[in-house]
Amino acid sequence: VAQQLPLYELADSKSGRQAAGTAAAAAGAQQGAELEQEAEQAVQGTVALTAGCCLAPAGMYTPALDSRFLQASTEQEAAVMARHLGVVAPSAARVYRDVLLPQLASLPEGVRDAAMLRMLRCLPDLQQQDRTFTQLLAQTPFVPNGLGQLHTPGQLYDPRVPELVAL
């Protein structure tokens, strides 16, 4: 019963509004009243738990996350959601690897850049969570050039210049 109540705050309320609007448009008149209620709840930034919902990792830039991520108000709330409601709490490294990095090109520029700056600030922790994380980053286009196009870090500097390599 607790899972069906619209009590769970989305990590990014904006993505919840978009998801609810898309769902309402796709389903049409068949489920009109039910979807309308869900859309109102999502607009308010809260939803009922559904399959695939998980907790946004602490320290993540939540506007870059989609509507499957929930935001706990406190660590205690997160623990209760995980223990009693079965909400998964993936590591930040896993969310970056499986969710955020693959969709970088589709994110608005400001959101993308803020998410990547946050990721770079947390890089030591991410490397500790996943030993292969920096190897993944070396192969992932996430650094924007002057035109806003994404490139791998190695494409935007001359590796023959020792000062640049040291950075």
Protein backbone atom coordinates (compact mmCIF):
# COMPACT_ATOMS: atom_id res chain seq x y z
CA VAL A 1 0.00 0.00 0.00
CA ALA A 2 2.80 2.43 0.87
CA GLN A 3 4.36 1.93 -2.56
CA GLN A 4 1.16 3.03 -4.33
CA LEU A 5 0.91 6.34 -2.50
CA PRO A 6 2.36 9.35 -4.35
CA LEU A 7 4.78 10.14 -1.55
CA TYR A 8 8.13 9.68 -3.22
CA GLU A 9 9.97 12.79 -4.38
CA LEU A 10 11.57 12.66 -7.80
CA ALA A 11 15.25 13.49 -7.96
CA ASP A 12 14.35 15.83 -10.81
CA SER A 13 10.74 16.98 -10.65
CA LYS A 14 11.01 18.41 -14.17
CA SER A 15 11.68 14.98 -15.66
CA GLY A 16 8.68 13.63 -13.75
CA ARG A 17 6.45 16.25 -15.37
CA GLN A 18 7.81 15.33 -18.80
CA ALA A 19 7.33 11.60 -18.19
CA ALA A 20 3.77 12.07 -16.95
CA GLY A 21 2.90 14.31 -19.89
CA THR A 22 4.32 11.82 -22.36
CA ALA A 23 2.49 8.92 -20.70
CA ALA A 24 -0.81 10.80 -20.72
CA ALA A 25 -0.45 11.70 -24.40
CA ALA A 26 0.45 8.15 -25.42
CA ALA A 27 -2.36 6.40 -23.58
CA GLY A 28 -5.11 8.65 -24.88
CA ALA A 29 -8.65 8.59 -23.56
CA GLN A 30 -8.66 4.95 -22.36
CA GLN A 31 -7.05 5.71 -19.03
CA GLY A 32 -7.72 9.45 -18.98
CA ALA A 33 -8.77 9.99 -15.37
CA GLU A 34 -6.11 7.68 -13.91
CA LEU A 35 -3.30 9.19 -15.97
CA GLU A 36 -4.53 12.69 -15.23
CA GLN A 37 -4.22 11.93 -11.52
CA GLU A 38 -0.71 10.53 -12.05
CA ALA A 39 0.26 13.59 -14.07
CA GLU A 40 -0.94 15.92 -11.31
CA GLN A 41 1.08 13.98 -8.76
CA ALA A 42 4.20 14.05 -10.95
CA VAL A 43 3.82 17.78 -11.53
CA GLN A 44 3.94 18.21 -7.78
CA GLY A 45 7.24 16.30 -7.82
CA THR A 46 6.03 13.14 -6.11
CA VAL A 47 5.12 9.74 -7.51
CA ALA A 48 4.08 6.28 -6.42
CA LEU A 49 6.82 3.65 -6.49
CA THR A 50 7.02 1.65 -9.69
CA ALA A 51 9.29 -1.10 -10.93
CA GLY A 52 12.70 0.33 -11.74
CA CYS A 53 12.60 3.20 -9.27
CA CYS A 54 15.86 3.75 -7.44
CA LEU A 55 17.42 6.29 -5.13
CA ALA A 56 19.58 9.03 -6.57
CA PRO A 57 23.09 8.64 -5.15
CA ALA A 58 24.19 11.31 -2.71
CA GLY A 59 26.08 14.12 -4.39
CA MET A 60 24.68 13.51 -7.88
CA TYR A 61 23.59 16.48 -9.96
CA THR A 62 19.92 15.49 -9.93
CA PRO A 63 18.65 17.63 -12.86
CA ALA A 64 20.61 15.28 -15.12
CA LEU A 65 18.76 12.20 -13.85
CA ASP A 66 15.56 10.81 -15.33
CA SER A 67 12.23 10.07 -13.67
CA ARG A 68 13.18 6.64 -12.32
CA PHE A 69 15.38 8.31 -9.68
CA LEU A 70 13.90 9.30 -6.35
CA GLN A 71 15.33 11.83 -3.91
CA ALA A 72 15.29 10.94 -0.22
CA SER A 73 15.06 13.89 2.16
CA THR A 74 17.40 12.31 4.70
CA GLU A 75 19.73 9.34 5.00
CA GLN A 76 17.19 7.76 7.35
CA GLU A 77 14.46 8.05 4.74
CA ALA A 78 16.76 6.49 2.15
CA ALA A 79 17.49 3.59 4.51
CA VAL A 80 13.76 3.00 5.12
CA MET A 81 13.01 3.11 1.38
CA ALA A 82 15.78 0.63 0.66
CA ARG A 83 15.08 -1.73 3.55
CA HIS A 84 11.28 -1.78 3.69
CA LEU A 85 10.20 -0.81 0.18
CA GLY A 86 12.94 -2.49 -1.83
CA VAL A 87 14.12 0.69 -3.55
CA VAL A 88 17.59 0.07 -4.97
CA ALA A 89 20.38 2.51 -4.09
CA PRO A 90 22.97 2.22 -6.88
CA SER A 91 26.45 3.66 -6.49
CA ALA A 92 27.24 7.00 -8.10
CA ALA A 93 29.80 5.29 -10.36
CA ARG A 94 27.14 2.87 -11.61
CA VAL A 95 24.68 5.70 -12.32
CA TYR A 96 27.31 7.65 -14.23
CA ARG A 97 28.37 4.53 -16.15
CA ASP A 98 24.93 3.11 -16.95
CA VAL A 99 22.68 6.17 -17.09
CA LEU A 100 24.35 9.55 -17.32
CA LEU A 101 27.34 9.02 -19.63
CA PRO A 102 25.35 7.20 -22.34
CA GLN A 103 22.81 10.04 -22.55
CA LEU A 104 25.20 13.02 -22.36
CA ALA A 105 24.65 14.10 -25.95
CA SER A 106 20.90 14.40 -25.36
CA LEU A 107 21.14 16.55 -22.22
CA PRO A 108 20.85 20.34 -22.39
CA GLU A 109 24.31 21.91 -22.46
CA GLY A 110 24.07 23.58 -19.04
CA VAL A 111 22.80 20.43 -17.33
CA ARG A 112 25.42 18.29 -19.07
CA ASP A 113 28.28 20.61 -18.12
CA ALA A 114 27.16 20.92 -14.49
CA ALA A 115 26.81 17.14 -14.20
CA MET A 116 30.28 16.57 -15.67
CA LEU A 117 31.89 19.16 -13.38
CA ARG A 118 30.27 17.46 -10.38
CA MET A 119 31.53 14.10 -11.65
CA LEU A 120 35.09 15.42 -12.01
CA ARG A 121 35.02 16.83 -8.47
CA CYS A 122 33.94 13.41 -7.19
CA LEU A 123 36.37 11.45 -9.36
CA PRO A 124 38.45 10.01 -6.47
CA ASP A 125 35.28 8.61 -4.86
CA LEU A 126 34.00 7.30 -8.18
CA GLN A 127 37.35 5.60 -8.84
CA GLN A 128 37.14 4.00 -5.41
CA GLN A 129 33.63 2.69 -6.14
CA ASP A 130 34.65 1.36 -9.56
CA ARG A 131 38.33 0.76 -10.31
CA THR A 132 37.71 0.96 -14.07
CA PHE A 133 35.89 4.30 -13.96
CA THR A 134 38.79 6.46 -15.19
CA GLN A 135 39.42 3.99 -18.01
CA LEU A 136 35.80 4.42 -19.04
CA LEU A 137 36.15 8.21 -18.95
CA ALA A 138 39.25 8.08 -21.12
CA GLN A 139 37.15 6.44 -23.85
CA THR A 140 33.94 8.46 -23.34
CA PRO A 141 33.25 11.69 -25.20
CA PHE A 142 32.29 14.06 -22.38
CA VAL A 143 34.54 17.11 -22.86
CA PRO A 144 32.91 19.84 -24.98
CA ASN A 145 34.94 21.80 -27.50
CA GLY A 146 34.27 25.42 -28.45
CA LEU A 147 31.36 24.35 -30.67
CA GLY A 148 29.75 22.28 -27.91
CA GLN A 149 30.66 18.95 -29.53
CA LEU A 150 31.69 16.21 -27.12
CA HIS A 151 35.11 14.59 -27.36
CA THR A 152 37.19 12.18 -25.34
CA PRO A 153 39.76 13.94 -23.15
CA GLY A 154 42.63 12.66 -25.32
CA GLN A 155 41.20 14.28 -28.45
CA LEU A 156 41.46 17.80 -27.06
CA TYR A 157 45.09 18.04 -26.00
CA ASP A 158 48.48 17.20 -27.42
CA PRO A 159 49.87 14.24 -25.43
CA ARG A 160 53.39 15.21 -26.50
CA VAL A 161 53.25 18.29 -24.23
CA PRO A 162 54.21 17.05 -20.74
CA GLU A 163 52.44 19.93 -18.98
CA LEU A 164 49.15 19.01 -20.59
CA VAL A 165 49.60 15.33 -19.79
CA ALA A 166 50.19 16.24 -16.14
CA LEU A 167 46.82 18.02 -16.00
